[in-house]
Amino acid sequence: MSNRLNLKELIPDSHQILMQLSEYVANTGIDKLQQELIKIRASQINGCAYCLNKHSQEALKYGEDPKRLHVLSAWREAKNWFSKEHQVILALTEEITLIADHGLSDQTYQEAITLFGEEMTAKLIIAVININALNRLGVSLSMHP
């Protein structure tokens, strides 16, 4: 495959804005492991090898159990390995990542509000949107680990 453009060099302002959003998400108060689960699950769906590699390593650094990473794409079949909070976060991640399918369901939205409150739910939504933007860059620009 041919080399693709380098967004950071070509239009650095846009790259900086994306990095500022990433920094915002990192400091929202969302648990670091929860942030990584969001990033990994969205990256699995979007097929972003660069982000999968990076965020799987980060999750392990934060103490994630490798066994959970192995079953993350099938978390519904391994619910006993994921807390209710993680299940809602993963459902939220999938529904927003696959927004064209049916959008964020009322059930998942209400479960998030009940568990996390409005402000944290809003932050979780921004976290999902952020990694989806980065996944789209990674895949579009053929970034590899």
N, C-alpha and C. Protein backbone atom coordinates (compact mmCIF):
# COMPACT_ATOMS: atom_id res chain seq x y z
N MET A 1 0.84 -1.18 0.00
CA MET A 1 0.00 0.00 0.00
C MET A 1 0.89 1.24 0.00
N SER A 2 0.48 2.25 -0.70
CA SER A 2 1.24 3.49 -0.77
C SER A 2 1.13 4.27 0.53
N ASN A 3 2.07 5.16 0.74
CA ASN A 3 2.02 6.02 1.92
C ASN A 3 0.83 6.96 1.81
N ARG A 4 0.20 7.19 2.92
CA ARG A 4 -0.94 8.11 2.96
C ARG A 4 -0.51 9.40 3.63
N LEU A 5 -1.34 10.40 3.53
CA LEU A 5 -1.00 11.70 4.08
C LEU A 5 -0.83 11.65 5.60
N ASN A 6 -0.07 12.62 6.09
CA ASN A 6 0.18 12.75 7.52
C ASN A 6 -0.59 13.97 8.00
N LEU A 7 -1.70 13.72 8.65
CA LEU A 7 -2.58 14.80 9.10
C LEU A 7 -1.85 15.78 10.00
N LYS A 8 -1.02 15.26 10.90
CA LYS A 8 -0.30 16.12 11.84
C LYS A 8 0.58 17.14 11.12
N GLU A 9 1.20 16.71 10.02
CA GLU A 9 2.06 17.61 9.25
C GLU A 9 1.25 18.49 8.30
N LEU A 10 0.24 17.92 7.67
CA LEU A 10 -0.50 18.62 6.64
C LEU A 10 -1.41 19.71 7.20
N ILE A 11 -2.20 19.37 8.21
CA ILE A 11 -3.08 20.36 8.85
C ILE A 11 -2.99 20.19 10.37
N PRO A 12 -1.91 20.72 10.94
CA PRO A 12 -1.64 20.51 12.36
C PRO A 12 -2.73 21.03 13.30
N ASP A 13 -3.45 22.06 12.90
CA ASP A 13 -4.52 22.58 13.76
C ASP A 13 -5.59 21.53 14.01
N SER A 14 -5.97 20.79 12.98
CA SER A 14 -7.00 19.77 13.16
C SER A 14 -6.49 18.64 14.04
N HIS A 15 -5.25 18.26 13.87
CA HIS A 15 -4.65 17.22 14.72
C HIS A 15 -4.63 17.69 16.17
N GLN A 16 -4.26 18.94 16.38
CA GLN A 16 -4.20 19.48 17.74
C GLN A 16 -5.59 19.48 18.40
N ILE A 17 -6.61 19.80 17.64
CA ILE A 17 -7.98 19.80 18.18
C ILE A 17 -8.38 18.39 18.62
N LEU A 18 -8.06 17.41 17.80
CA LEU A 18 -8.38 16.02 18.17
C LEU A 18 -7.61 15.60 19.41
N MET A 19 -6.36 16.01 19.52
CA MET A 19 -5.56 15.67 20.70
C MET A 19 -6.09 16.40 21.95
N GLN A 20 -6.60 17.61 21.78
CA GLN A 20 -7.20 18.33 22.90
C GLN A 20 -8.44 17.61 23.39
N LEU A 21 -9.25 17.08 22.48
CA LEU A 21 -10.42 16.32 22.88
C LEU A 21 -9.99 15.05 23.61
N SER A 22 -8.96 14.39 23.13
CA SER A 22 -8.44 13.20 23.81
C SER A 22 -7.96 13.54 25.21
N GLU A 23 -7.29 14.66 25.35
CA GLU A 23 -6.83 15.10 26.67
C GLU A 23 -8.01 15.41 27.59
N TYR A 24 -9.03 16.05 27.03
CA TYR A 24 -10.24 16.31 27.82
C TYR A 24 -10.83 15.00 28.34
N VAL A 25 -10.99 14.03 27.44
CA VAL A 25 -11.56 12.74 27.82
C VAL A 25 -10.72 12.09 28.91
N ALA A 26 -9.40 12.16 28.78
CA ALA A 26 -8.51 11.54 29.76
C ALA A 26 -8.69 12.12 31.15
N ASN A 27 -9.18 13.35 31.22
CA ASN A 27 -9.32 14.04 32.50
C ASN A 27 -10.78 14.23 32.94
N THR A 28 -11.70 13.46 32.39
CA THR A 28 -13.12 13.61 32.72
C THR A 28 -13.51 12.99 34.05
N GLY A 29 -12.66 12.13 34.57
CA GLY A 29 -13.03 11.37 35.75
C GLY A 29 -13.54 9.98 35.43
N ILE A 30 -13.64 9.66 34.15
CA ILE A 30 -13.97 8.28 33.76
C ILE A 30 -12.78 7.42 34.15
N ASP A 31 -13.05 6.33 34.82
CA ASP A 31 -12.01 5.41 35.24
C ASP A 31 -11.12 5.04 34.05
N LYS A 32 -9.81 4.97 34.27
CA LYS A 32 -8.85 4.72 33.18
C LYS A 32 -9.12 3.39 32.48
N LEU A 33 -9.45 2.34 33.24
CA LEU A 33 -9.77 1.06 32.60
C LEU A 33 -11.05 1.16 31.78
N GLN A 34 -12.03 1.89 32.28
CA GLN A 34 -13.26 2.08 31.51
C GLN A 34 -12.97 2.84 30.22
N GLN A 35 -12.10 3.84 30.28
CA GLN A 35 -11.71 4.56 29.07
C GLN A 35 -11.09 3.61 28.06
N GLU A 36 -10.23 2.73 28.52
CA GLU A 36 -9.56 1.80 27.61
C GLU A 36 -10.54 0.78 27.04
N LEU A 37 -11.51 0.32 27.85
CA LEU A 37 -12.52 -0.61 27.32
C LEU A 37 -13.31 0.06 26.19
N ILE A 38 -13.66 1.32 26.37
CA ILE A 38 -14.36 2.07 25.32
C ILE A 38 -13.50 2.10 24.06
N LYS A 39 -12.24 2.44 24.22
CA LYS A 39 -11.35 2.58 23.07
C LYS A 39 -11.14 1.25 22.36
N ILE A 40 -10.97 0.19 23.14
CA ILE A 40 -10.72 -1.12 22.53
C ILE A 40 -11.97 -1.63 21.83
N ARG A 41 -13.13 -1.52 22.48
CA ARG A 41 -14.35 -2.06 21.86
C ARG A 41 -14.69 -1.30 20.58
N ALA A 42 -14.61 0.02 20.60
CA ALA A 42 -14.88 0.79 19.38
C ALA A 42 -13.86 0.44 18.29
N SER A 43 -12.61 0.28 18.68
CA SER A 43 -11.57 -0.05 17.71
C SER A 43 -11.75 -1.44 17.12
N GLN A 44 -12.28 -2.38 17.91
CA GLN A 44 -12.61 -3.70 17.37
C GLN A 44 -13.67 -3.58 16.29
N ILE A 45 -14.71 -2.84 16.59
CA ILE A 45 -15.82 -2.67 15.63
C ILE A 45 -15.33 -1.97 14.37
N ASN A 46 -14.50 -0.94 14.54
CA ASN A 46 -14.05 -0.14 13.41
C ASN A 46 -12.85 -0.74 12.68
N GLY A 47 -12.28 -1.80 13.22
CA GLY A 47 -11.16 -2.45 12.57
C GLY A 47 -9.90 -1.63 12.56
N CYS A 48 -9.64 -0.88 13.62
CA CYS A 48 -8.45 -0.03 13.68
C CYS A 48 -7.34 -0.75 14.45
N ALA A 49 -6.44 -1.38 13.70
CA ALA A 49 -5.35 -2.15 14.31
C ALA A 49 -4.43 -1.26 15.14
N TYR A 50 -4.16 -0.06 14.67
CA TYR A 50 -3.29 0.86 15.40
C TYR A 50 -3.84 1.13 16.80
N CYS A 51 -5.12 1.48 16.88
CA CYS A 51 -5.74 1.80 18.17
C CYS A 51 -5.91 0.55 19.03
N LEU A 52 -6.25 -0.58 18.42
CA LEU A 52 -6.36 -1.83 19.19
C LEU A 52 -5.06 -2.16 19.88
N ASN A 53 -3.98 -2.08 19.15
CA ASN A 53 -2.67 -2.36 19.72
C ASN A 53 -2.35 -1.39 20.86
N LYS A 54 -2.49 -0.13 20.59
CA LYS A 54 -2.15 0.90 21.58
C LYS A 54 -2.99 0.77 22.85
N HIS A 55 -4.29 0.65 22.70
CA HIS A 55 -5.17 0.69 23.87
C HIS A 55 -5.22 -0.65 24.61
N SER A 56 -4.93 -1.74 23.94
CA SER A 56 -4.79 -3.01 24.66
C SER A 56 -3.57 -2.95 25.57
N GLN A 57 -2.48 -2.40 25.07
CA GLN A 57 -1.28 -2.24 25.90
C GLN A 57 -1.55 -1.32 27.08
N GLU A 58 -2.27 -0.22 26.83
CA GLU A 58 -2.60 0.72 27.91
C GLU A 58 -3.46 0.03 28.97
N ALA A 59 -4.45 -0.73 28.53
CA ALA A 59 -5.34 -1.42 29.47
C ALA A 59 -4.54 -2.38 30.36
N LEU A 60 -3.63 -3.11 29.77
CA LEU A 60 -2.79 -4.03 30.55
C LEU A 60 -1.93 -3.26 31.55
N LYS A 61 -1.43 -2.11 31.12
CA LYS A 61 -0.63 -1.26 32.01
C LYS A 61 -1.45 -0.79 33.21
N TYR A 62 -2.75 -0.54 33.00
CA TYR A 62 -3.63 -0.10 34.08
C TYR A 62 -4.17 -1.27 34.91
N GLY A 63 -3.75 -2.49 34.58
CA GLY A 63 -4.13 -3.64 35.39
C GLY A 63 -5.26 -4.49 34.84
N GLU A 64 -5.64 -4.27 33.59
CA GLU A 64 -6.71 -5.09 33.00
C GLU A 64 -6.27 -6.55 32.95
N ASP A 65 -7.22 -7.44 33.19
CA ASP A 65 -6.99 -8.88 33.11
C ASP A 65 -6.93 -9.26 31.63
N PRO A 66 -5.83 -9.86 31.16
CA PRO A 66 -5.75 -10.24 29.74
C PRO A 66 -6.90 -11.13 29.30
N LYS A 67 -7.42 -11.96 30.20
CA LYS A 67 -8.53 -12.84 29.83
C LYS A 67 -9.76 -12.03 29.41
N ARG A 68 -10.00 -10.91 30.08
CA ARG A 68 -11.14 -10.07 29.70
C ARG A 68 -10.93 -9.46 28.32
N LEU A 69 -9.71 -9.09 28.01
CA LEU A 69 -9.43 -8.55 26.68
C LEU A 69 -9.69 -9.59 25.60
N HIS A 70 -9.40 -10.85 25.91
CA HIS A 70 -9.62 -11.92 24.94
C HIS A 70 -11.09 -12.11 24.60
N VAL A 71 -11.98 -11.82 25.55
CA VAL A 71 -13.41 -12.04 25.32
C VAL A 71 -14.20 -10.74 25.14
N LEU A 72 -13.51 -9.63 25.08
CA LEU A 72 -14.20 -8.34 25.03
C LEU A 72 -15.19 -8.24 23.87
N SER A 73 -14.83 -8.73 22.71
CA SER A 73 -15.74 -8.61 21.56
C SER A 73 -16.99 -9.48 21.74
N ALA A 74 -16.95 -10.41 22.69
CA ALA A 74 -18.10 -11.27 22.98
C ALA A 74 -18.55 -11.06 24.43
N TRP A 75 -18.50 -9.83 24.90
CA TRP A 75 -18.79 -9.55 26.31
C TRP A 75 -20.18 -9.98 26.72
N ARG A 76 -21.13 -9.97 25.81
CA ARG A 76 -22.49 -10.38 26.16
C ARG A 76 -22.55 -11.86 26.54
N GLU A 77 -21.63 -12.65 25.99
CA GLU A 77 -21.55 -14.07 26.32
C GLU A 77 -20.74 -14.32 27.58
N ALA A 78 -20.04 -13.28 28.04
CA ALA A 78 -19.19 -13.40 29.22
C ALA A 78 -19.56 -12.33 30.25
N LYS A 79 -20.85 -12.13 30.42
CA LYS A 79 -21.33 -11.05 31.30
C LYS A 79 -20.79 -11.15 32.72
N ASN A 80 -20.55 -12.37 33.20
CA ASN A 80 -20.07 -12.51 34.57
C ASN A 80 -18.65 -11.96 34.73
N TRP A 81 -17.97 -11.67 33.64
CA TRP A 81 -16.63 -11.08 33.70
C TRP A 81 -16.66 -9.55 33.70
N PHE A 82 -17.85 -8.99 33.47
CA PHE A 82 -17.98 -7.54 33.35
C PHE A 82 -19.06 -7.04 34.29
N SER A 83 -18.74 -6.02 35.06
CA SER A 83 -19.71 -5.43 35.99
C SER A 83 -20.88 -4.82 35.20
N LYS A 84 -21.94 -4.51 35.91
CA LYS A 84 -23.09 -3.85 35.28
C LYS A 84 -22.65 -2.54 34.62
N GLU A 85 -21.79 -1.80 35.31
CA GLU A 85 -21.28 -0.54 34.77
C GLU A 85 -20.54 -0.78 33.46
N HIS A 86 -19.67 -1.80 33.45
CA HIS A 86 -18.94 -2.09 32.22
C HIS A 86 -19.87 -2.54 31.10
N GLN A 87 -20.89 -3.31 31.43
CA GLN A 87 -21.84 -3.75 30.42
C GLN A 87 -22.57 -2.57 29.79
N VAL A 88 -22.96 -1.61 30.60
CA VAL A 88 -23.65 -0.43 30.07
C VAL A 88 -22.70 0.40 29.22
N ILE A 89 -21.46 0.55 29.68
CA ILE A 89 -20.47 1.29 28.91
C ILE A 89 -20.21 0.61 27.57
N LEU A 90 -20.11 -0.70 27.57
CA LEU A 90 -19.87 -1.42 26.31
C LEU A 90 -21.07 -1.33 25.37
N ALA A 91 -22.27 -1.42 25.92
CA ALA A 91 -23.48 -1.27 25.08
C ALA A 91 -23.54 0.14 24.50
N LEU A 92 -23.26 1.14 25.32
CA LEU A 92 -23.24 2.54 24.87
C LEU A 92 -22.20 2.70 23.75
N THR A 93 -21.03 2.13 23.95
CA THR A 93 -19.96 2.21 22.95
C THR A 93 -20.39 1.59 21.63
N GLU A 94 -20.97 0.41 21.70
CA GLU A 94 -21.39 -0.28 20.47
C GLU A 94 -22.49 0.48 19.75
N GLU A 95 -23.48 0.95 20.49
CA GLU A 95 -24.62 1.62 19.85
C GLU A 95 -24.22 2.95 19.22
N ILE A 96 -23.30 3.67 19.85
CA ILE A 96 -22.85 4.93 19.26
C ILE A 96 -21.91 4.66 18.09
N THR A 97 -21.03 3.68 18.24
CA THR A 97 -20.11 3.34 17.15
C THR A 97 -20.88 2.87 15.92
N LEU A 98 -21.93 2.11 16.14
CA LEU A 98 -22.77 1.61 15.04
C LEU A 98 -24.04 2.46 14.91
N ILE A 99 -23.89 3.75 15.00
CA ILE A 99 -25.00 4.70 15.08
C ILE A 99 -26.00 4.54 13.93
N ALA A 100 -25.53 4.17 12.75
CA ALA A 100 -26.43 4.04 11.60
C ALA A 100 -27.38 2.86 11.74
N ASP A 101 -27.05 1.89 12.57
CA ASP A 101 -27.90 0.71 12.73
C ASP A 101 -29.23 1.06 13.40
N HIS A 102 -29.17 1.72 14.54
CA HIS A 102 -30.41 2.10 15.23
C HIS A 102 -30.19 3.21 16.25
N GLY A 103 -28.99 3.73 16.30
CA GLY A 103 -28.70 4.81 17.24
C GLY A 103 -28.56 4.31 18.66
N LEU A 104 -28.45 5.24 19.57
CA LEU A 104 -28.36 4.93 21.00
C LEU A 104 -29.77 4.63 21.50
N SER A 105 -30.00 3.41 21.93
CA SER A 105 -31.35 3.00 22.35
C SER A 105 -31.76 3.72 23.63
N ASP A 106 -33.05 3.87 23.80
CA ASP A 106 -33.59 4.47 25.02
C ASP A 106 -33.19 3.64 26.24
N GLN A 107 -33.19 2.32 26.09
CA GLN A 107 -32.85 1.46 27.22
C GLN A 107 -31.41 1.68 27.68
N THR A 108 -30.47 1.67 26.75
CA THR A 108 -29.07 1.87 27.12
C THR A 108 -28.86 3.27 27.67
N TYR A 109 -29.49 4.25 27.05
CA TYR A 109 -29.39 5.64 27.52
C TYR A 109 -29.89 5.75 28.96
N GLN A 110 -31.06 5.19 29.24
CA GLN A 110 -31.63 5.27 30.58
C GLN A 110 -30.79 4.52 31.61
N GLU A 111 -30.25 3.37 31.21
CA GLU A 111 -29.38 2.62 32.12
C GLU A 111 -28.13 3.44 32.45
N ALA A 112 -27.58 4.12 31.47
CA ALA A 112 -26.41 4.96 31.70
C ALA A 112 -26.74 6.11 32.64
N ILE A 113 -27.86 6.77 32.40
CA ILE A 113 -28.27 7.88 33.27
C ILE A 113 -28.47 7.39 34.70
N THR A 114 -29.11 6.24 34.85
CA THR A 114 -29.37 5.69 36.18
C THR A 114 -28.06 5.35 36.90
N LEU A 115 -27.13 4.73 36.20
CA LEU A 115 -25.87 4.31 36.82
C LEU A 115 -24.87 5.45 37.01
N PHE A 116 -24.80 6.34 36.04
CA PHE A 116 -23.73 7.34 36.02
C PHE A 116 -24.18 8.78 36.20
N GLY A 117 -25.48 9.06 36.05
CA GLY A 117 -25.95 10.43 36.09
C GLY A 117 -25.77 11.10 34.73
N GLU A 118 -26.37 12.27 34.60
CA GLU A 118 -26.35 12.96 33.31
C GLU A 118 -24.96 13.42 32.89
N GLU A 119 -24.22 14.04 33.80
CA GLU A 119 -22.92 14.59 33.43
C GLU A 119 -21.94 13.49 33.02
N MET A 120 -21.85 12.42 33.79
CA MET A 120 -20.91 11.35 33.44
C MET A 120 -21.36 10.62 32.17
N THR A 121 -22.67 10.48 31.97
CA THR A 121 -23.15 9.88 30.72
C THR A 121 -22.73 10.73 29.54
N ALA A 122 -22.85 12.04 29.68
CA ALA A 122 -22.41 12.94 28.61
C ALA A 122 -20.91 12.77 28.34
N LYS A 123 -20.13 12.62 29.39
CA LYS A 123 -18.69 12.42 29.23
C LYS A 123 -18.39 11.08 28.56
N LEU A 124 -19.13 10.05 28.91
CA LEU A 124 -18.96 8.75 28.27
C LEU A 124 -19.27 8.83 26.78
N ILE A 125 -20.33 9.55 26.43
CA ILE A 125 -20.68 9.72 25.03
C ILE A 125 -19.55 10.44 24.28
N ILE A 126 -18.99 11.48 24.87
CA ILE A 126 -17.87 12.20 24.25
C ILE A 126 -16.67 11.27 24.09
N ALA A 127 -16.43 10.41 25.07
CA ALA A 127 -15.31 9.46 24.98
C ALA A 127 -15.49 8.52 23.80
N VAL A 128 -16.71 8.05 23.58
CA VAL A 128 -16.99 7.16 22.45
C VAL A 128 -16.83 7.91 21.13
N ILE A 129 -17.35 9.11 21.07
CA ILE A 129 -17.22 9.91 19.84
C ILE A 129 -15.75 10.17 19.53
N ASN A 130 -14.96 10.46 20.55
CA ASN A 130 -13.54 10.75 20.36
C ASN A 130 -12.80 9.56 19.75
N ILE A 131 -12.95 8.37 20.32
CA ILE A 131 -12.22 7.23 19.79
C ILE A 131 -12.73 6.86 18.39
N ASN A 132 -14.00 7.08 18.12
CA ASN A 132 -14.51 6.81 16.77
C ASN A 132 -13.86 7.75 15.75
N ALA A 133 -13.67 9.00 16.11
CA ALA A 133 -12.98 9.94 15.21
C ALA A 133 -11.55 9.47 14.97
N LEU A 134 -10.87 9.08 16.04
CA LEU A 134 -9.48 8.62 15.91
C LEU A 134 -9.39 7.31 15.12
N ASN A 135 -10.36 6.41 15.32
CA ASN A 135 -10.39 5.17 14.53
C ASN A 135 -10.54 5.48 13.05
N ARG A 136 -11.39 6.41 12.74
CA ARG A 136 -11.62 6.73 11.34
C ARG A 136 -10.36 7.33 10.70
N LEU A 137 -9.61 8.08 11.47
CA LEU A 137 -8.33 8.58 10.96
C LEU A 137 -7.36 7.42 10.76
N GLY A 138 -7.25 6.56 11.78
CA GLY A 138 -6.32 5.45 11.70
C GLY A 138 -6.58 4.55 10.52
N VAL A 139 -7.84 4.22 10.30
CA VAL A 139 -8.19 3.32 9.19
C VAL A 139 -8.06 4.06 7.85
N SER A 140 -8.56 5.28 7.77
CA SER A 140 -8.50 6.04 6.51
C SER A 140 -7.07 6.29 6.06
N LEU A 141 -6.19 6.55 7.02
CA LEU A 141 -4.81 6.89 6.69
C LEU A 141 -3.89 5.68 6.76
N SER A 142 -4.50 4.50 6.93
CA SER A 142 -3.78 3.22 6.94
C SER A 142 -2.63 3.21 7.95
N MET A 143 -2.95 3.66 9.16
CA MET A 143 -1.95 3.64 10.24
C MET A 143 -1.86 2.23 10.78
N HIS A 144 -0.65 1.78 11.05
CA HIS A 144 -0.44 0.43 11.54
C HIS A 144 0.39 0.48 12.81
N PRO A 145 0.19 -0.52 13.67
CA PRO A 145 0.98 -0.54 14.91
C PRO A 145 2.47 -0.70 14.62
